[in-house]
Amino acid sequence: MSYQHEKTIQCPYCGEMIGILIDGSVLQQDYIEDCQVCCRPINFTVRISQDNHADVIARHENE
C-alpha cells in the first residue's frame, strides 16, 4: 500500500497548476507550503479516507 499521493492543484494566487506530494500516513493534515511558481503561501487541508483517497483543499492565506 502506498502512503504517498501525488496531486495536482491550482494555486489560489497565480492560477498555475502545481504538483504536490502528500504523506498518506497522516490521516488529517493542515500545513502551509509555498507555490512553486509565485512563491506565495498556500494553506493546505488534507484528509485521507479509509480507502486511501486524499482530499486536498488549497486556500490563500486570508481564507
PDB file of N, CA and C in Angstrom:
ATOM      1  N   MET A   1       0.843  -1.185   0.000  1.00  0.00           N
ATOM      2  CA  MET A   1       0.000   0.000   0.000  1.00  0.00           C
ATOM      3  C   MET A   1       0.887   1.247   0.000  1.00  0.00           C
ATOM      4  N   SER A   2       0.593   2.182  -0.882  1.00  0.00           N
ATOM      5  CA  SER A   2       1.376   3.405  -0.994  1.00  0.00           C
ATOM      6  C   SER A   2       0.878   4.449   0.013  1.00  0.00           C
ATOM      7  N   TYR A   3       1.813   5.078   0.708  1.00  0.00           N
ATOM      8  CA  TYR A   3       1.456   6.117   1.658  1.00  0.00           C
ATOM      9  C   TYR A   3       1.740   7.507   1.118  1.00  0.00           C
ATOM     10  N   GLN A   4       2.170   7.598  -0.126  1.00  0.00           N
ATOM     11  CA  GLN A   4       2.390   8.899  -0.729  1.00  0.00           C
ATOM     12  C   GLN A   4       1.433   9.080  -1.897  1.00  0.00           C
ATOM     13  N   HIS A   5       0.871  10.270  -1.972  1.00  0.00           N
ATOM     14  CA  HIS A   5      -0.071  10.604  -3.034  1.00  0.00           C
ATOM     15  C   HIS A   5       0.471  11.794  -3.801  1.00  0.00           C
ATOM     16  N   GLU A   6       0.414  11.718  -5.115  1.00  0.00           N
ATOM     17  CA  GLU A   6       0.737  12.869  -5.945  1.00  0.00           C
ATOM     18  C   GLU A   6      -0.572  13.500  -6.378  1.00  0.00           C
ATOM     19  N   LYS A   7      -0.683  14.796  -6.168  1.00  0.00           N
ATOM     20  CA  LYS A   7      -1.884  15.534  -6.564  1.00  0.00           C
ATOM     21  C   LYS A   7      -1.469  16.764  -7.346  1.00  0.00           C
ATOM     22  N   THR A   8      -2.335  17.197  -8.227  1.00  0.00           N
ATOM     23  CA  THR A   8      -2.146  18.455  -8.936  1.00  0.00           C
ATOM     24  C   THR A   8      -3.235  19.396  -8.459  1.00  0.00           C
ATOM     25  N   ILE A   9      -2.812  20.568  -8.003  1.00  0.00           N
ATOM     26  CA  ILE A   9      -3.772  21.562  -7.520  1.00  0.00           C
ATOM     27  C   ILE A   9      -3.530  22.869  -8.274  1.00  0.00           C
ATOM     28  N   GLN A  10      -4.512  23.757  -8.192  1.00  0.00           N
ATOM     29  CA  GLN A  10      -4.369  25.081  -8.799  1.00  0.00           C
ATOM     30  C   GLN A  10      -4.035  26.078  -7.704  1.00  0.00           C
ATOM     31  N   CYS A  11      -2.984  26.844  -7.918  1.00  0.00           N
ATOM     32  CA  CYS A  11      -2.588  27.862  -6.947  1.00  0.00           C
ATOM     33  C   CYS A  11      -3.712  28.892  -6.818  1.00  0.00           C
ATOM     34  N   PRO A  12      -4.137  29.197  -5.589  1.00  0.00           N
ATOM     35  CA  PRO A  12      -5.200  30.187  -5.406  1.00  0.00           C
ATOM     36  C   PRO A  12      -4.764  31.620  -5.703  1.00  0.00           C
ATOM     37  N   TYR A  13      -3.473  31.842  -5.904  1.00  0.00           N
ATOM     38  CA  TYR A  13      -2.961  33.178  -6.212  1.00  0.00           C
ATOM     39  C   TYR A  13      -2.748  33.375  -7.710  1.00  0.00           C
ATOM     40  N   CYS A  14      -1.866  32.559  -8.288  1.00  0.00           N
ATOM     41  CA  CYS A  14      -1.469  32.780  -9.682  1.00  0.00           C
ATOM     42  C   CYS A  14      -2.244  31.908 -10.668  1.00  0.00           C
ATOM     43  N   GLY A  15      -2.968  30.905 -10.175  1.00  0.00           N
ATOM     44  CA  GLY A  15      -3.792  30.063 -11.039  1.00  0.00           C
ATOM     45  C   GLY A  15      -3.044  28.947 -11.743  1.00  0.00           C
ATOM     46  N   GLU A  16      -1.736  28.861 -11.547  1.00  0.00           N
ATOM     47  CA  GLU A  16      -0.946  27.796 -12.185  1.00  0.00           C
ATOM     48  C   GLU A  16      -1.249  26.451 -11.543  1.00  0.00           C
ATOM     49  N   MET A  17      -1.171  25.398 -12.349  1.00  0.00           N
ATOM     50  CA  MET A  17      -1.327  24.044 -11.847  1.00  0.00           C
ATOM     51  C   MET A  17       0.036  23.577 -11.334  1.00  0.00           C
ATOM     52  N   ILE A  18       0.070  23.108 -10.079  1.00  0.00           N
ATOM     53  CA  ILE A  18       1.323  22.658  -9.481  1.00  0.00           C
ATOM     54  C   ILE A  18       1.131  21.269  -8.876  1.00  0.00           C
ATOM     55  N   GLY A  19       2.189  20.498  -8.878  1.00  0.00           N
ATOM     56  CA  GLY A  19       2.157  19.161  -8.299  1.00  0.00           C
ATOM     57  C   GLY A  19       2.617  19.190  -6.855  1.00  0.00           C
ATOM     58  N   ILE A  20       1.913  18.434  -6.004  1.00  0.00           N
ATOM     59  CA  ILE A  20       2.309  18.323  -4.606  1.00  0.00           C
ATOM     60  C   ILE A  20       2.371  16.845  -4.239  1.00  0.00           C
ATOM     61  N   LEU A  21       3.171  16.536  -3.243  1.00  0.00           N
ATOM     62  CA  LEU A  21       3.304  15.176  -2.745  1.00  0.00           C
ATOM     63  C   LEU A  21       2.742  15.149  -1.331  1.00  0.00           C
ATOM     64  N   ILE A  22       1.826  14.217  -1.079  1.00  0.00           N
ATOM     65  CA  ILE A  22       1.118  14.149   0.202  1.00  0.00           C
ATOM     66  C   ILE A  22       1.538  12.887   0.948  1.00  0.00           C
ATOM     67  N   ASP A  23       1.833  13.039   2.217  1.00  0.00           N
ATOM     68  CA  ASP A  23       2.150  11.909   3.090  1.00  0.00           C
ATOM     69  C   ASP A  23       0.836  11.267   3.533  1.00  0.00           C
ATOM     70  N   GLY A  24       0.528  10.106   3.003  1.00  0.00           N
ATOM     71  CA  GLY A  24      -0.726   9.426   3.301  1.00  0.00           C
ATOM     72  C   GLY A  24      -0.743   8.702   4.624  1.00  0.00           C
ATOM     73  N   SER A  25       0.364   8.687   5.363  1.00  0.00           N
ATOM     74  CA  SER A  25       0.386   8.014   6.658  1.00  0.00           C
ATOM     75  C   SER A  25      -0.236   8.863   7.760  1.00  0.00           C
ATOM     76  N   VAL A  26      -0.460  10.152   7.489  1.00  0.00           N
ATOM     77  CA  VAL A  26      -1.105  11.057   8.438  1.00  0.00           C
ATOM     78  C   VAL A  26      -2.503  11.356   7.896  1.00  0.00           C
ATOM     79  N   LEU A  27      -3.551  10.940   8.621  1.00  0.00           N
ATOM     80  CA  LEU A  27      -4.910  10.989   8.092  1.00  0.00           C
ATOM     81  C   LEU A  27      -5.487  12.396   7.967  1.00  0.00           C
ATOM     82  N   GLN A  28      -5.096  13.309   8.849  1.00  0.00           N
ATOM     83  CA  GLN A  28      -5.590  14.685   8.785  1.00  0.00           C
ATOM     84  C   GLN A  28      -4.396  15.625   8.907  1.00  0.00           C
ATOM     85  N   GLN A  29      -4.293  16.544   7.949  1.00  0.00           N
ATOM     86  CA  GLN A  29      -3.153  17.456   7.930  1.00  0.00           C
ATOM     87  C   GLN A  29      -3.605  18.870   7.584  1.00  0.00           C
ATOM     88  N   ASP A  30      -3.008  19.827   8.227  1.00  0.00           N
ATOM     89  CA  ASP A  30      -3.151  21.241   7.891  1.00  0.00           C
ATOM     90  C   ASP A  30      -1.743  21.815   7.872  1.00  0.00           C
ATOM     91  N   TYR A  31      -1.332  22.367   6.733  1.00  0.00           N
ATOM     92  CA  TYR A  31       0.019  22.908   6.647  1.00  0.00           C
ATOM     93  C   TYR A  31       0.088  23.993   5.582  1.00  0.00           C
ATOM     94  N   ILE A  32       1.187  24.721   5.575  1.00  0.00           N
ATOM     95  CA  ILE A  32       1.421  25.797   4.610  1.00  0.00           C
ATOM     96  C   ILE A  32       2.635  25.426   3.775  1.00  0.00           C
ATOM     97  N   GLU A  33       2.494  25.590   2.470  1.00  0.00           N
ATOM     98  CA  GLU A  33       3.595  25.330   1.540  1.00  0.00           C
ATOM     99  C   GLU A  33       3.562  26.425   0.476  1.00  0.00           C
ATOM    100  N   ASP A  34       4.725  26.934   0.111  1.00  0.00           N
ATOM    101  CA  ASP A  34       4.784  27.998  -0.891  1.00  0.00           C
ATOM    102  C   ASP A  34       4.526  27.443  -2.294  1.00  0.00           C
ATOM    103  N   CYS A  35       3.846  28.244  -3.113  1.00  0.00           N
ATOM    104  CA  CYS A  35       3.619  27.898  -4.507  1.00  0.00           C
ATOM    105  C   CYS A  35       4.967  27.805  -5.211  1.00  0.00           C
ATOM    106  N   GLN A  36       5.125  26.793  -6.047  1.00  0.00           N
ATOM    107  CA  GLN A  36       6.375  26.590  -6.774  1.00  0.00           C
ATOM    108  C   GLN A  36       6.578  27.624  -7.880  1.00  0.00           C
ATOM    109  N   VAL A  37       5.508  28.340  -8.245  1.00  0.00           N
ATOM    110  CA  VAL A  37       5.588  29.315  -9.337  1.00  0.00           C
ATOM    111  C   VAL A  37       5.697  30.737  -8.792  1.00  0.00           C
ATOM    112  N   CYS A  38       4.737  31.157  -7.950  1.00  0.00           N
ATOM    113  CA  CYS A  38       4.711  32.550  -7.481  1.00  0.00           C
ATOM    114  C   CYS A  38       5.252  32.734  -6.059  1.00  0.00           C
ATOM    115  N   CYS A  39       5.574  31.635  -5.380  1.00  0.00           N
ATOM    116  CA  CYS A  39       6.194  31.643  -4.042  1.00  0.00           C
ATOM    117  C   CYS A  39       5.308  32.193  -2.931  1.00  0.00           C
ATOM    118  N   ARG A  40       4.008  32.283  -3.157  1.00  0.00           N
ATOM    119  CA  ARG A  40       3.108  32.763  -2.103  1.00  0.00           C
ATOM    120  C   ARG A  40       2.639  31.575  -1.272  1.00  0.00           C
ATOM    121  N   PRO A  41       2.313  31.795   0.020  1.00  0.00           N
ATOM    122  CA  PRO A  41       1.971  30.692   0.920  1.00  0.00           C
ATOM    123  C   PRO A  41       0.547  30.163   0.693  1.00  0.00           C
ATOM    124  N   ILE A  42       0.449  28.859   0.465  1.00  0.00           N
ATOM    125  CA  ILE A  42      -0.833  28.196   0.255  1.00  0.00           C
ATOM    126  C   ILE A  42      -1.161  27.396   1.511  1.00  0.00           C
ATOM    127  N   ASN A  43      -2.367  27.578   2.044  1.00  0.00           N
ATOM    128  CA  ASN A  43      -2.846  26.787   3.177  1.00  0.00           C
ATOM    129  C   ASN A  43      -3.475  25.508   2.651  1.00  0.00           C
ATOM    130  N   PHE A  44      -2.935  24.371   3.047  1.00  0.00           N
ATOM    131  CA  PHE A  44      -3.448  23.077   2.621  1.00  0.00           C
ATOM    132  C   PHE A  44      -4.187  22.399   3.763  1.00  0.00           C
ATOM    133  N   THR A  45      -5.341  21.830   3.444  1.00  0.00           N
ATOM    134  CA  THR A  45      -6.069  20.944   4.337  1.00  0.00           C
ATOM    135  C   THR A  45      -6.187  19.622   3.597  1.00  0.00           C
ATOM    136  N   VAL A  46      -5.670  18.556   4.217  1.00  0.00           N
ATOM    137  CA  VAL A  46      -5.640  17.240   3.580  1.00  0.00           C
ATOM    138  C   VAL A  46      -6.323  16.242   4.492  1.00  0.00           C
ATOM    139  N   ARG A  47      -7.191  15.430   3.914  1.00  0.00           N
ATOM    140  CA  ARG A  47      -7.852  14.348   4.639  1.00  0.00           C
ATOM    141  C   ARG A  47      -7.670  13.071   3.831  1.00  0.00           C
ATOM    142  N   ILE A  48      -7.218  12.009   4.484  1.00  0.00           N
ATOM    143  CA  ILE A  48      -7.049  10.705   3.846  1.00  0.00           C
ATOM    144  C   ILE A  48      -8.219   9.831   4.290  1.00  0.00           C
ATOM    145  N   SER A  49      -8.965   9.304   3.328  1.00  0.00           N
ATOM    146  CA  SER A  49     -10.126   8.465   3.645  1.00  0.00           C
ATOM    147  C   SER A  49      -9.687   7.040   3.956  1.00  0.00           C
ATOM    148  N   GLN A  50     -10.632   6.226   4.419  1.00  0.00           N
ATOM    149  CA  GLN A  50     -10.332   4.837   4.766  1.00  0.00           C
ATOM    150  C   GLN A  50      -9.906   4.023   3.554  1.00  0.00           C
ATOM    151  N   ASP A  51     -10.353   4.429   2.371  1.00  0.00           N
ATOM    152  CA  ASP A  51      -9.940   3.717   1.156  1.00  0.00           C
ATOM    153  C   ASP A  51      -8.672   4.323   0.538  1.00  0.00           C
ATOM    154  N   ASN A  52      -7.923   5.110   1.350  1.00  0.00           N
ATOM    155  CA  ASN A  52      -6.619   5.680   0.975  1.00  0.00           C
ATOM    156  C   ASN A  52      -6.715   6.730  -0.130  1.00  0.00           C
ATOM    157  N   HIS A  53      -7.833   7.449  -0.195  1.00  0.00           N
ATOM    158  CA  HIS A  53      -8.011   8.542  -1.147  1.00  0.00           C
ATOM    159  C   HIS A  53      -7.699   9.857  -0.442  1.00  0.00           C
ATOM    160  N   ALA A  54      -6.916  10.720  -1.087  1.00  0.00           N
ATOM    161  CA  ALA A  54      -6.530  12.008  -0.499  1.00  0.00           C
ATOM    162  C   ALA A  54      -7.422  13.121  -1.037  1.00  0.00           C
ATOM    163  N   ASP A  55      -8.112  13.812  -0.136  1.00  0.00           N
ATOM    164  CA  ASP A  55      -8.887  15.009  -0.477  1.00  0.00           C
ATOM    165  C   ASP A  55      -8.064  16.221  -0.059  1.00  0.00           C
ATOM    166  N   VAL A  56      -7.844  17.140  -0.994  1.00  0.00           N
ATOM    167  CA  VAL A  56      -6.987  18.296  -0.742  1.00  0.00           C
ATOM    168  C   VAL A  56      -7.762  19.575  -1.009  1.00  0.00           C
ATOM    169  N   ILE A  57      -7.680  20.504  -0.056  1.00  0.00           N
ATOM    170  CA  ILE A  57      -8.232  21.850  -0.235  1.00  0.00           C
ATOM    171  C   ILE A  57      -7.058  22.822  -0.153  1.00  0.00           C
ATOM    172  N   ALA A  58      -6.921  23.673  -1.161  1.00  0.00           N
ATOM    173  CA  ALA A  58      -5.839  24.666  -1.201  1.00  0.00           C
ATOM    174  C   ALA A  58      -6.463  26.058  -1.138  1.00  0.00           C
ATOM    175  N   ARG A  59      -6.058  26.859  -0.167  1.00  0.00           N
ATOM    176  CA  ARG A  59      -6.613  28.203   0.025  1.00  0.00           C
ATOM    177  C   ARG A  59      -5.493  29.223   0.163  1.00  0.00           C
ATOM    178  N   HIS A  60      -5.794  30.489  -0.158  1.00  0.00           N
ATOM    179  CA  HIS A  60      -4.788  31.516   0.096  1.00  0.00           C
ATOM    180  C   HIS A  60      -4.823  31.875   1.570  1.00  0.00           C
ATOM    181  N   GLU A  61      -3.826  32.593   2.046  1.00  0.00           N
ATOM    182  CA  GLU A  61      -3.631  32.793   3.478  1.00  0.00           C
ATOM    183  C   GLU A  61      -4.722  33.596   4.169  1.00  0.00           C
ATOM    184  N   ASN A  62      -5.540  34.329   3.433  1.00  0.00           N
ATOM    185  CA  ASN A  62      -6.598  35.133   4.040  1.00  0.00           C
ATOM    186  C   ASN A  62      -7.954  34.451   4.068  1.00  0.00           C
ATOM    187  N   GLU A  63      -8.035  33.215   3.660  1.00  0.00           N
ATOM    188  CA  GLU A  63      -9.307  32.469   3.691  1.00  0.00           C
ATOM    189  C   GLU A  63      -9.414  31.698   4.972  1.00  0.00           C
TER     190      GLU A  63
END
